[in-house]
C-alpha atoms as a PDB file:
ATOM      1  CA  UNK A   1      92.049  82.294 104.501  1.00  0.00           C
ATOM      2  CA  UNK A   2      93.824  84.529 101.970  1.00  0.00           C
ATOM      3  CA  UNK A   3      91.483  85.355  99.136  1.00  0.00           C
ATOM      4  CA  UNK A   4      93.788  88.194  98.059  1.00  0.00           C
ATOM      5  CA  UNK A   5      97.447  89.019  98.525  1.00  0.00           C
ATOM      6  CA  UNK A   6      99.388  92.272  98.502  1.00  0.00           C
ATOM      7  CA  UNK A   7     103.008  91.212  98.907  1.00  0.00           C
ATOM      8  CA  UNK A   8     105.894  93.087 100.501  1.00  0.00           C
ATOM      9  CA  UNK A   9     109.464  92.145 101.163  1.00  0.00           C
ATOM     10  CA  UNK A  10     110.890  92.848 104.585  1.00  0.00           C
ATOM     11  CA  UNK A  11     114.299  94.479 105.055  1.00  0.00           C
ATOM     12  CA  UNK A  12     116.928  91.754 105.377  1.00  0.00           C
ATOM     13  CA  UNK A  13     118.410  93.572 108.359  1.00  0.00           C
ATOM     14  CA  UNK A  14     115.283  93.109 110.473  1.00  0.00           C
ATOM     15  CA  UNK A  15     115.547  90.121 112.794  1.00  0.00           C
ATOM     16  CA  UNK A  16     112.816  90.631 115.362  1.00  0.00           C
ATOM     17  CA  UNK A  17     111.599  87.652 117.362  1.00  0.00           C
ATOM     18  CA  UNK A  18     108.049  86.419 117.770  1.00  0.00           C
ATOM     19  CA  UNK A  19     108.046  87.801 121.328  1.00  0.00           C
ATOM     20  CA  UNK A  20     109.187  91.213 120.080  1.00  0.00           C
ATOM     21  CA  UNK A  21     106.325  91.150 117.578  1.00  0.00           C
ATOM     22  CA  UNK A  22     103.812  90.123 120.256  1.00  0.00           C
ATOM     23  CA  UNK A  23     104.957  92.932 122.560  1.00  0.00           C
ATOM     24  CA  UNK A  24     104.607  95.454 119.724  1.00  0.00           C
ATOM     25  CA  UNK A  25     101.105  94.311 118.817  1.00  0.00           C
ATOM     26  CA  UNK A  26      99.989  94.500 122.448  1.00  0.00           C
ATOM     27  CA  UNK A  27     100.448  98.276 122.210  1.00  0.00           C
ATOM     28  CA  UNK A  28      97.654  98.527 119.619  1.00  0.00           C
ATOM     29  CA  UNK A  29      94.895  96.041 120.497  1.00  0.00           C
ATOM     30  CA  UNK A  30      91.527  96.458 118.870  1.00  0.00           C
ATOM     31  CA  UNK A  31      88.987  98.285 121.022  1.00  0.00           C
ATOM     32  CA  UNK A  32      85.474  98.741 119.581  1.00  0.00           C
ATOM     33  CA  UNK A  33      84.223 102.229 118.768  1.00  0.00           C
ATOM     34  CA  UNK A  34      82.956 104.282 121.672  1.00  0.00           C
ATOM     35  CA  UNK A  35      79.543 106.003 121.457  1.00  0.00           C
ATOM     36  CA  UNK A  36      80.909 109.101 119.700  1.00  0.00           C
ATOM     37  CA  UNK A  37      83.908 107.460 118.007  1.00  0.00           C
ATOM     38  CA  UNK A  38      83.701 107.202 114.219  1.00  0.00           C
ATOM     39  CA  UNK A  39      86.460 104.629 113.584  1.00  0.00           C
ATOM     40  CA  UNK A  40      88.553 102.127 115.527  1.00  0.00           C
ATOM     41  CA  UNK A  41      91.233  99.617 114.518  1.00  0.00           C
ATOM     42  CA  UNK A  42      93.857  97.340 116.037  1.00  0.00           C
ATOM     43  CA  UNK A  43      95.006  93.745 116.507  1.00  0.00           C
ATOM     44  CA  UNK A  44      92.878  90.807 117.623  1.00  0.00           C
ATOM     45  CA  UNK A  45      93.899  87.211 118.473  1.00  0.00           C
ATOM     46  CA  UNK A  46      94.071  85.336 115.135  1.00  0.00           C
ATOM     47  CA  UNK A  47      92.646  82.167 116.719  1.00  0.00           C
ATOM     48  CA  UNK A  48      89.571  84.088 117.816  1.00  0.00           C
ATOM     49  CA  UNK A  49      90.157  83.249 121.460  1.00  0.00           C
ATOM     50  CA  UNK A  50      89.524  86.001 123.984  1.00  0.00           C
ATOM     51  CA  UNK A  51      92.764  87.230 125.563  1.00  0.00           C
ATOM     52  CA  UNK A  52      94.756  84.960 123.209  1.00  0.00           C
ATOM     53  CA  UNK A  53      98.114  85.749 121.646  1.00  0.00           C
ATOM     54  CA  UNK A  54      98.130  88.427 118.947  1.00  0.00           C
ATOM     55  CA  UNK A  55     100.977  86.736 117.049  1.00  0.00           C
ATOM     56  CA  UNK A  56     100.706  82.989 116.391  1.00  0.00           C
ATOM     57  CA  UNK A  57     103.478  80.846 114.933  1.00  0.00           C
ATOM     58  CA  UNK A  58     102.381  77.847 112.840  1.00  0.00           C
ATOM     59  CA  UNK A  59     105.226  75.876 111.304  1.00  0.00           C
ATOM     60  CA  UNK A  60     107.485  78.897 111.579  1.00  0.00           C
ATOM     61  CA  UNK A  61     104.973  81.173 109.835  1.00  0.00           C
ATOM     62  CA  UNK A  62     103.677  84.133 111.860  1.00  0.00           C
ATOM     63  CA  UNK A  63      99.983  84.962 111.614  1.00  0.00           C
ATOM     64  CA  UNK A  64      98.268  88.156 112.755  1.00  0.00           C
ATOM     65  CA  UNK A  65      94.708  89.473 112.497  1.00  0.00           C
ATOM     66  CA  UNK A  66      93.902  93.161 112.004  1.00  0.00           C
ATOM     67  CA  UNK A  67      90.410  94.415 112.804  1.00  0.00           C
ATOM     68  CA  UNK A  68      88.748  97.697 111.841  1.00  0.00           C
ATOM     69  CA  UNK A  69      85.349  99.083 112.751  1.00  0.00           C
ATOM     70  CA  UNK A  70      83.556 102.159 111.453  1.00  0.00           C
ATOM     71  CA  UNK A  71      80.228 103.833 112.117  1.00  0.00           C
ATOM     72  CA  UNK A  72      77.844 104.057 109.152  1.00  0.00           C
ATOM     73  CA  UNK A  73      76.489 107.582 108.999  1.00  0.00           C
ATOM     74  CA  UNK A  74      74.776 108.357 105.638  1.00  0.00           C
ATOM     75  CA  UNK A  75      75.413 111.828 104.291  1.00  0.00           C
ATOM     76  CA  UNK A  76      71.700 112.422 103.769  1.00  0.00           C
ATOM     77  CA  UNK A  77      70.964 111.730 107.447  1.00  0.00           C
ATOM     78  CA  UNK A  78      73.796 114.017 108.579  1.00  0.00           C
ATOM     79  CA  UNK A  79      72.689 116.811 106.217  1.00  0.00           C
ATOM     80  CA  UNK A  80      69.121 116.531 107.447  1.00  0.00           C
ATOM     81  CA  UNK A  81      70.269 116.917 111.050  1.00  0.00           C
ATOM     82  CA  UNK A  82      72.405 119.951 110.141  1.00  0.00           C
ATOM     83  CA  UNK A  83      69.450 121.537 108.316  1.00  0.00           C
ATOM     84  CA  UNK A  84      67.298 120.956 111.383  1.00  0.00           C
ATOM     85  CA  UNK A  85      69.816 122.726 113.610  1.00  0.00           C
ATOM     86  CA  UNK A  86      70.239 125.594 111.117  1.00  0.00           C
ATOM     87  CA  UNK A  87      66.461 126.067 110.951  1.00  0.00           C
ATOM     88  CA  UNK A  88      66.295 126.252 114.740  1.00  0.00           C
ATOM     89  CA  UNK A  89      68.913 129.033 114.763  1.00  0.00           C
ATOM     90  CA  UNK A  90      67.091 130.958 112.038  1.00  0.00           C
ATOM     91  CA  UNK A  91      63.805 130.676 113.920  1.00  0.00           C
ATOM     92  CA  UNK A  92      65.292 131.791 117.230  1.00  0.00           C
ATOM     93  CA  UNK A  93      67.646 134.552 116.051  1.00  0.00           C
ATOM     94  CA  UNK A  94      66.187 135.515 112.676  1.00  0.00           C
ATOM     95  CA  UNK A  95      69.382 134.809 110.748  1.00  0.00           C
ATOM     96  CA  UNK A  96      70.996 132.006 108.799  1.00  0.00           C
ATOM     97  CA  UNK A  97      74.201 130.497 110.204  1.00  0.00           C
ATOM     98  CA  UNK A  98      77.436 131.410 108.414  1.00  0.00           C
ATOM     99  CA  UNK A  99      79.949 129.029 106.850  1.00  0.00           C
ATOM    100  CA  UNK A 100      82.013 128.552 110.007  1.00  0.00           C
ATOM    101  CA  UNK A 101      78.909 128.098 112.141  1.00  0.00           C
ATOM    102  CA  UNK A 102      77.538 125.500 109.684  1.00  0.00           C
ATOM    103  CA  UNK A 103      80.718 123.476 110.096  1.00  0.00           C
ATOM    104  CA  UNK A 104      80.291 123.605 113.856  1.00  0.00           C
ATOM    105  CA  UNK A 105      76.677 122.479 113.442  1.00  0.00           C
ATOM    106  CA  UNK A 106      77.869 119.589 111.302  1.00  0.00           C
ATOM    107  CA  UNK A 107      80.304 118.499 113.994  1.00  0.00           C
ATOM    108  CA  UNK A 108      77.558 118.722 116.613  1.00  0.00           C
ATOM    109  CA  UNK A 109      75.156 116.770 114.435  1.00  0.00           C
ATOM    110  CA  UNK A 110      77.717 114.023 113.936  1.00  0.00           C
ATOM    111  CA  UNK A 111      78.241 113.690 117.687  1.00  0.00           C
ATOM    112  CA  UNK A 112      74.464 113.515 118.146  1.00  0.00           C
ATOM    113  CA  UNK A 113      74.044 110.775 115.539  1.00  0.00           C
ATOM    114  CA  UNK A 114      77.107 108.555 116.089  1.00  0.00           C
ATOM    115  CA  UNK A 115      75.720 106.803 119.205  1.00  0.00           C
ATOM    116  CA  UNK A 116      72.738 105.657 117.121  1.00  0.00           C
ATOM    117  CA  UNK A 117      74.705 104.677 113.987  1.00  0.00           C
ATOM    118  CA  UNK A 118      75.175 101.099 112.842  1.00  0.00           C
ATOM    119  CA  UNK A 119      78.714  99.740 112.861  1.00  0.00           C
ATOM    120  CA  UNK A 120      80.582  97.784 110.223  1.00  0.00           C
ATOM    121  CA  UNK A 121      83.557  95.521 110.968  1.00  0.00           C
ATOM    122  CA  UNK A 122      86.216  94.115 108.699  1.00  0.00           C
ATOM    123  CA  UNK A 123      89.249  91.948 109.419  1.00  0.00           C
ATOM    124  CA  UNK A 124      92.461  91.179 107.534  1.00  0.00           C
ATOM    125  CA  UNK A 125      94.853  88.245 107.767  1.00  0.00           C
ATOM    126  CA  UNK A 126      98.487  89.323 107.998  1.00  0.00           C
ATOM    127  CA  UNK A 127     101.249  86.789 107.372  1.00  0.00           C
ATOM    128  CA  UNK A 128     104.949  87.285 108.121  1.00  0.00           C
ATOM    129  CA  UNK A 129     107.449  84.753 106.799  1.00  0.00           C
ATOM    130  CA  UNK A 130     110.557  85.508 108.904  1.00  0.00           C
ATOM    131  CA  UNK A 131     112.827  83.254 106.837  1.00  0.00           C
ATOM    132  CA  UNK A 132     111.881  84.398 103.325  1.00  0.00           C
ATOM    133  CA  UNK A 133     111.420  87.960 104.646  1.00  0.00           C
ATOM    134  CA  UNK A 134     107.930  88.253 103.200  1.00  0.00           C
ATOM    135  CA  UNK A 135     104.896  90.154 104.431  1.00  0.00           C
ATOM    136  CA  UNK A 136     101.560  89.196 102.841  1.00  0.00           C
ATOM    137  CA  UNK A 137      98.281  91.001 103.484  1.00  0.00           C
ATOM    138  CA  UNK A 138      94.904  89.469 102.671  1.00  0.00           C
ATOM    139  CA  UNK A 139      93.362  92.501 100.971  1.00  0.00           C
ATOM    140  CA  UNK A 140      92.871  93.877  97.502  1.00  0.00           C
ATOM    141  CA  UNK A 141      92.775  97.511  98.669  1.00  0.00           C
ATOM    142  CA  UNK A 142      96.112  99.293  98.749  1.00  0.00           C
ATOM    143  CA  UNK A 143      94.813 101.946 101.155  1.00  0.00           C
ATOM    144  CA  UNK A 144      93.930  99.308 103.738  1.00  0.00           C
ATOM    145  CA  UNK A 145      97.286  97.622 103.274  1.00  0.00           C
ATOM    146  CA  UNK A 146      99.046 100.953 103.780  1.00  0.00           C
ATOM    147  CA  UNK A 147      97.375 101.446 107.152  1.00  0.00           C
ATOM    148  CA  UNK A 148      98.415  98.027 108.428  1.00  0.00           C
ATOM    149  CA  UNK A 149     101.973  98.321 107.107  1.00  0.00           C
ATOM    150  CA  UNK A 150     102.368 101.781 108.613  1.00  0.00           C
ATOM    151  CA  UNK A 151     101.235 100.480 112.007  1.00  0.00           C
ATOM    152  CA  UNK A 152     103.801  97.652 111.841  1.00  0.00           C
ATOM    153  CA  UNK A 153     106.614  99.978 110.758  1.00  0.00           C
ATOM    154  CA  UNK A 154     105.816 102.404 113.576  1.00  0.00           C
ATOM    155  CA  UNK A 155     105.573  99.609 116.163  1.00  0.00           C
ATOM    156  CA  UNK A 156     108.613  97.487 115.277  1.00  0.00           C
ATOM    157  CA  UNK A 157     112.080  98.968 115.520  1.00  0.00           C
ATOM    158  CA  UNK A 158     114.075  98.464 112.332  1.00  0.00           C
ATOM    159  CA  UNK A 159     111.121  97.007 110.443  1.00  0.00           C
ATOM    160  CA  UNK A 160     111.206  98.268 106.852  1.00  0.00           C
ATOM    161  CA  UNK A 161     109.202  97.008 103.890  1.00  0.00           C
ATOM    162  CA  UNK A 162     108.704  97.632 100.183  1.00  0.00           C
ATOM    163  CA  UNK A 163     106.177  96.327  97.719  1.00  0.00           C
ATOM    164  CA  UNK A 164     107.341  93.330  95.752  1.00  0.00           C
ATOM    165  CA  UNK A 165     108.683  94.422  92.368  1.00  0.00           C
ATOM    166  CA  UNK A 166     109.897  92.427  89.373  1.00  0.00           C
ATOM    167  CA  UNK A 167     112.215  92.892  86.393  1.00  0.00           C
ATOM    168  CA  UNK A 168     109.291  92.510  83.982  1.00  0.00           C
ATOM    169  CA  UNK A 169     106.083  94.340  84.789  1.00  0.00           C
ATOM    170  CA  UNK A 170     103.008  92.125  85.188  1.00  0.00           C
ATOM    171  CA  UNK A 171     101.319  94.033  82.373  1.00  0.00           C
ATOM    172  CA  UNK A 172     104.165  93.419  79.927  1.00  0.00           C
ATOM    173  CA  UNK A 173     104.371  89.748  80.900  1.00  0.00           C
ATOM    174  CA  UNK A 174     100.616  89.211  80.609  1.00  0.00           C
ATOM    175  CA  UNK A 175     100.639  90.876  77.176  1.00  0.00           C
ATOM    176  CA  UNK A 176     103.373  88.504  76.046  1.00  0.00           C
ATOM    177  CA  UNK A 177     101.560  85.431  77.354  1.00  0.00           C
ATOM    178  CA  UNK A 178      98.335  86.405  75.580  1.00  0.00           C
ATOM    179  CA  UNK A 179      99.991  87.235  72.251  1.00  0.00           C
ATOM    180  CA  UNK A 180     102.322  84.215  72.232  1.00  0.00           C
ATOM    181  CA  UNK A 181      99.593  81.991  73.661  1.00  0.00           C
ATOM    182  CA  UNK A 182     102.273  80.413  75.822  1.00  0.00           C
ATOM    183  CA  UNK A 183     101.993  80.245  79.601  1.00  0.00           C
ATOM    184  CA  UNK A 184     105.048  80.582  81.860  1.00  0.00           C
ATOM    185  CA  UNK A 185     106.545  77.396  83.262  1.00  0.00           C
ATOM    186  CA  UNK A 186     104.402  75.962  86.064  1.00  0.00           C
ATOM    187  CA  UNK A 187     101.375  78.115  85.227  1.00  0.00           C
ATOM    188  CA  UNK A 188      98.394  77.991  82.920  1.00  0.00           C
ATOM    189  CA  UNK A 189      96.320  80.878  81.628  1.00  0.00           C
ATOM    190  CA  UNK A 190      92.646  80.437  82.479  1.00  0.00           C
ATOM    191  CA  UNK A 191      89.436  81.915  81.068  1.00  0.00           C
ATOM    192  CA  UNK A 192      89.201  85.422  82.549  1.00  0.00           C
ATOM    193  CA  UNK A 193      90.897  88.607  81.402  1.00  0.00           C
ATOM    194  CA  UNK A 194      90.457  92.376  81.354  1.00  0.00           C
ATOM    195  CA  UNK A 195      92.056  94.599  78.697  1.00  0.00           C
ATOM    196  CA  UNK A 196      92.124  98.407  78.777  1.00  0.00           C
ATOM    197  CA  UNK A 197      93.095 100.858  76.067  1.00  0.00           C
ATOM    198  CA  UNK A 198      95.906 103.230  76.989  1.00  0.00           C
ATOM    199  CA  UNK A 199      94.577 106.039  74.758  1.00  0.00           C
ATOM    200  CA  UNK A 200      91.906 108.633  75.475  1.00  0.00           C
ATOM    201  CA  UNK A 201      89.101 106.214  74.691  1.00  0.00           C
ATOM    202  CA  UNK A 202      89.850 104.165  77.847  1.00  0.00           C
ATOM    203  CA  UNK A 203      88.013 101.313  76.137  1.00  0.00           C
ATOM    204  CA  UNK A 204      87.668  98.150  78.219  1.00  0.00           C
ATOM    205  CA  UNK A 205      87.229  94.582  76.997  1.00  0.00           C
ATOM    206  CA  UNK A 206      86.434  91.817  79.486  1.00  0.00           C
ATOM    207  CA  UNK A 207      86.394  88.072  78.956  1.00  0.00           C
ATOM    208  CA  UNK A 208      84.753  85.801  81.492  1.00  0.00           C
ATOM    209  CA  UNK A 209      84.597  82.025  81.241  1.00  0.00           C
ATOM    210  CA  UNK A 210      85.937  82.392  77.724  1.00  0.00           C
ATOM    211  CA  UNK A 211      88.954  80.846  75.969  1.00  0.00           C
ATOM    212  CA  UNK A 212      91.764  83.387  75.654  1.00  0.00           C
ATOM    213  CA  UNK A 213      93.885  81.544  73.064  1.00  0.00           C
ATOM    214  CA  UNK A 214      91.995  83.148  70.173  1.00  0.00           C
ATOM    215  CA  UNK A 215      92.988  85.656  67.510  1.00  0.00           C
ATOM    216  CA  UNK A 216      90.568  88.267  68.843  1.00  0.00           C
ATOM    217  CA  UNK A 217      92.473  88.553  72.130  1.00  0.00           C
ATOM    218  CA  UNK A 218      95.816  88.804  70.315  1.00  0.00           C
ATOM    219  CA  UNK A 219      94.444  91.562  68.084  1.00  0.00           C
ATOM    220  CA  UNK A 220      93.200  93.592  71.053  1.00  0.00           C
ATOM    221  CA  UNK A 221      96.659  93.457  72.653  1.00  0.00           C
ATOM    222  CA  UNK A 222      98.464  94.216  69.385  1.00  0.00           C
ATOM    223  CA  UNK A 223      96.156  97.212  68.883  1.00  0.00           C
ATOM    224  CA  UNK A 224      97.223  98.693  72.197  1.00  0.00           C
ATOM    225  CA  UNK A 225      94.849  97.330  74.808  1.00  0.00           C
ATOM    226  CA  UNK A 226      96.834  96.327  77.892  1.00  0.00           C
ATOM    227  CA  UNK A 227      95.878  93.529  80.297  1.00  0.00           C
ATOM    228  CA  UNK A 228      94.996  94.671  83.805  1.00  0.00           C
ATOM    229  CA  UNK A 229      93.738  91.281  85.070  1.00  0.00           C
ATOM    230  CA  UNK A 230      94.465  87.729  84.008  1.00  0.00           C
ATOM    231  CA  UNK A 231      93.188  84.519  85.575  1.00  0.00           C
ATOM    232  CA  UNK A 232      95.852  81.850  86.046  1.00  0.00           C
ATOM    233  CA  UNK A 233      96.443  78.523  87.764  1.00  0.00           C
ATOM    234  CA  UNK A 234      99.709  77.475  89.404  1.00  0.00           C
ATOM    235  CA  UNK A 235     100.806  73.826  89.393  1.00  0.00           C
ATOM    236  CA  UNK A 236      97.168  72.660  89.258  1.00  0.00           C
ATOM    237  CA  UNK A 237      96.993  73.614  92.938  1.00  0.00           C
ATOM    238  CA  UNK A 238      96.058  77.292  93.233  1.00  0.00           C
ATOM    239  CA  UNK A 239      93.961  79.477  90.939  1.00  0.00           C
ATOM    240  CA  UNK A 240      94.134  83.264  91.122  1.00  0.00           C
ATOM    241  CA  UNK A 241      93.838  86.507  89.171  1.00  0.00           C
ATOM    242  CA  UNK A 242      97.031  88.480  88.586  1.00  0.00           C
ATOM    243  CA  UNK A 243      96.669  92.264  88.383  1.00  0.00           C
ATOM    244  CA  UNK A 244      98.842  94.806  86.600  1.00  0.00           C
ATOM    245  CA  UNK A 245      99.978  96.080  90.025  1.00  0.00           C
ATOM    246  CA  UNK A 246     101.259  92.628  91.048  1.00  0.00           C
ATOM    247  CA  UNK A 247      98.353  91.971  93.358  1.00  0.00           C
ATOM    248  CA  UNK A 248      97.120  88.391  93.546  1.00  0.00           C
ATOM    249  CA  UNK A 249      93.325  88.226  93.763  1.00  0.00           C
ATOM    250  CA  UNK A 250      90.554  85.624  93.901  1.00  0.00           C
ATOM    251  CA  UNK A 251      92.905  83.024  95.380  1.00  0.00           C
ATOM    252  CA  UNK A 252      91.371  79.548  95.511  1.00  0.00           C
ATOM    253  CA  UNK A 253      93.045  76.338  96.653  1.00  0.00           C
ATOM    254  CA  UNK A 254      92.060  73.534  94.305  1.00  0.00           C
ATOM    255  CA  UNK A 255      90.839  70.032  95.051  1.00  0.00           C
ATOM    256  CA  UNK A 256      94.334  68.514  94.886  1.00  0.00           C
ATOM    257  CA  UNK A 257      95.376  70.694  97.828  1.00  0.00           C
ATOM    258  CA  UNK A 258      92.207  70.134  99.845  1.00  0.00           C
ATOM    259  CA  UNK A 259      92.306  66.372  99.269  1.00  0.00           C
ATOM    260  CA  UNK A 260      95.818  66.247 100.741  1.00  0.00           C
ATOM    261  CA  UNK A 261      94.575  68.080 103.829  1.00  0.00           C
ATOM    262  CA  UNK A 262      91.849  65.483 104.333  1.00  0.00           C
ATOM    263  CA  UNK A 263      89.050  66.129 106.791  1.00  0.00           C
ATOM    264  CA  UNK A 264      91.231  68.022 109.228  1.00  0.00           C
ATOM    265  CA  UNK A 265      90.133  71.590 109.763  1.00  0.00           C
ATOM    266  CA  UNK A 266      90.774  74.421 112.130  1.00  0.00           C
ATOM    267  CA  UNK A 267      93.119  77.332 112.377  1.00  0.00           C
ATOM    268  CA  UNK A 268      96.416  75.419 112.245  1.00  0.00           C
ATOM    269  CA  UNK A 269      95.394  73.446 109.165  1.00  0.00           C
ATOM    270  CA  UNK A 270      94.118  76.535 107.355  1.00  0.00           C
ATOM    271  CA  UNK A 271      97.367  78.390 108.051  1.00  0.00           C
ATOM    272  CA  UNK A 272      99.482  75.428 106.957  1.00  0.00           C
ATOM    273  CA  UNK A 273      97.592  75.142 103.662  1.00  0.00           C
ATOM    274  CA  UNK A 274      97.615  78.849 102.845  1.00  0.00           C
ATOM    275  CA  UNK A 275     101.223  79.571 103.780  1.00  0.00           C
ATOM    276  CA  UNK A 276     102.511  76.287 102.407  1.00  0.00           C
ATOM    277  CA  UNK A 277     101.050  76.839  98.951  1.00  0.00           C
ATOM    278  CA  UNK A 278     101.665  80.588  98.708  1.00  0.00           C
ATOM    279  CA  UNK A 279     105.260  80.310  99.933  1.00  0.00           C
ATOM    280  CA  UNK A 280     105.966  78.207  96.833  1.00  0.00           C
ATOM    281  CA  UNK A 281     103.685  80.071  94.419  1.00  0.00           C
ATOM    282  CA  UNK A 282     105.160  83.518  95.097  1.00  0.00           C
ATOM    283  CA  UNK A 283     108.785  82.703  94.120  1.00  0.00           C
ATOM    284  CA  UNK A 284     107.537  80.892  91.000  1.00  0.00           C
ATOM    285  CA  UNK A 285     105.431  83.921  90.055  1.00  0.00           C
ATOM    286  CA  UNK A 286     108.387  86.240  90.573  1.00  0.00           C
ATOM    287  CA  UNK A 287     110.497  83.977  88.364  1.00  0.00           C
ATOM    288  CA  UNK A 288     107.783  84.027  85.685  1.00  0.00           C
ATOM    289  CA  UNK A 289     108.014  87.825  85.764  1.00  0.00           C
ATOM    290  CA  UNK A 290     111.730  87.833  85.038  1.00  0.00           C
ATOM    291  CA  UNK A 291     112.998  87.737  88.599  1.00  0.00           C
ATOM    292  CA  UNK A 292     112.936  90.514  91.135  1.00  0.00           C
ATOM    293  CA  UNK A 293     114.459  93.940  90.870  1.00  0.00           C
ATOM    294  CA  UNK A 294     117.372  94.468  93.218  1.00  0.00           C
ATOM    295  CA  UNK A 295     117.179  97.272  95.739  1.00  0.00           C
ATOM    296  CA  UNK A 296     118.807  98.988  98.672  1.00  0.00           C
ATOM    297  CA  UNK A 297     116.282  97.770 101.236  1.00  0.00           C
ATOM    298  CA  UNK A 298     118.381  95.772 103.687  1.00  0.00           C
ATOM    299  CA  UNK A 299     121.874  94.448 103.051  1.00  0.00           C
ATOM    300  CA  UNK A 300     120.980  91.336 101.062  1.00  0.00           C
ATOM    301  CA  UNK A 301     118.115  89.471  99.517  1.00  0.00           C
ATOM    302  CA  UNK A 302     116.774  86.458 101.404  1.00  0.00           C
ATOM    303  CA  UNK A 303     118.379  83.215 100.281  1.00  0.00           C
ATOM    304  CA  UNK A 304     114.978  81.608  99.723  1.00  0.00           C
ATOM    305  CA  UNK A 305     114.304  84.077  96.921  1.00  0.00           C
ATOM    306  CA  UNK A 306     117.773  84.725  95.512  1.00  0.00           C
ATOM    307  CA  UNK A 307     116.864  82.925  92.300  1.00  0.00           C
ATOM    308  CA  UNK A 308     114.008  85.293  91.695  1.00  0.00           C
ATOM    309  CA  UNK A 309     114.806  87.923  94.284  1.00  0.00           C
ATOM    310  CA  UNK A 310     112.555  90.481  95.824  1.00  0.00           C
ATOM    311  CA  UNK A 311     111.451  93.910  94.779  1.00  0.00           C
ATOM    312  CA  UNK A 312     112.511  97.509  94.882  1.00  0.00           C
ATOM    313  CA  UNK A 313     111.013  99.936  97.364  1.00  0.00           C
ATOM    314  CA  UNK A 314     108.955 101.528  94.641  1.00  0.00           C
ATOM    315  CA  UNK A 315     106.226 102.100  97.205  1.00  0.00           C
ATOM    316  CA  UNK A 316     107.104 102.083 100.873  1.00  0.00           C
ATOM    317  CA  UNK A 317     104.854 102.182 103.872  1.00  0.00           C
ATOM    318  CA  UNK A 318     102.603 105.181 104.212  1.00  0.00           C
ATOM    319  CA  UNK A 319      99.448 106.070 106.049  1.00  0.00           C
ATOM    320  CA  UNK A 320      96.025 105.942 104.485  1.00  0.00           C
ATOM    321  CA  UNK A 321      92.547 105.953 105.952  1.00  0.00           C
ATOM    322  CA  UNK A 322      90.639 102.719 106.354  1.00  0.00           C
ATOM    323  CA  UNK A 323      87.722 104.140 104.410  1.00  0.00           C
ATOM    324  CA  UNK A 324      85.411 101.292 105.199  1.00  0.00           C
ATOM    325  CA  UNK A 325      85.748  98.211 107.308  1.00  0.00           C
END
């Protein structure tokens, strides 16, 4: 649970209840694609139980599950079907179909092929922390996150969000950590990094399973290559990769966390581990990045994050296609 995290702050003025959230989600349940339907998406019970609740509260943390399905229709197969239809027209009427007619043939061909196409499903964990006013999505694709956030904003009255933003950009902070060879308090820099040149060369240098406290890394940064990814560990409990867009990727809970959980498993335990660790990691990460930028989203910042704050609405909810599930 939670291998990636795109983090938003929720408007402080929103105070919806769990029942309000459940009612809103019930308006958009997931229904699998019909025979001629190319894509489908919606909410499913996070526990995996048929007809279960769509919004579960575990220790005051609200968990949702978003599902998307798409039909796999290779372009080569579609083009072959269109060519077959065009050849039939040419044989019957002695002419080639025009541009508009070819588009109509393409639409017909798609309808013919969709019932036979394979389907691909993908699901996303969605976590709302109503006290800290945080929304965390388990995805590394901004387009997918946009679709889910847009659905929530459209479904919940007064629900506004903005991407988490900090006083110091992740790229500037990561550059400083690599050059100074000093990690922020509570964190350690691990053995994975990606550096990209900002000039026309677009040169890329990647380190994997390699010490980063070496002169070579410092020289790359000092010569203008900027870090886009940096592997880190927080409090010897959670390892992750920080991106230049403030996404948290490759999240892994370390042995110290799993040992505390013991042999207990199941949905409730998984939620408690993930939300418990991330709810402490996120404010520490924001603090390491100079604290959050203040903004006009809502009337006040949540008390739980006042020390580090939350971000500006530099990117608010918008719609984007779920290109693949």
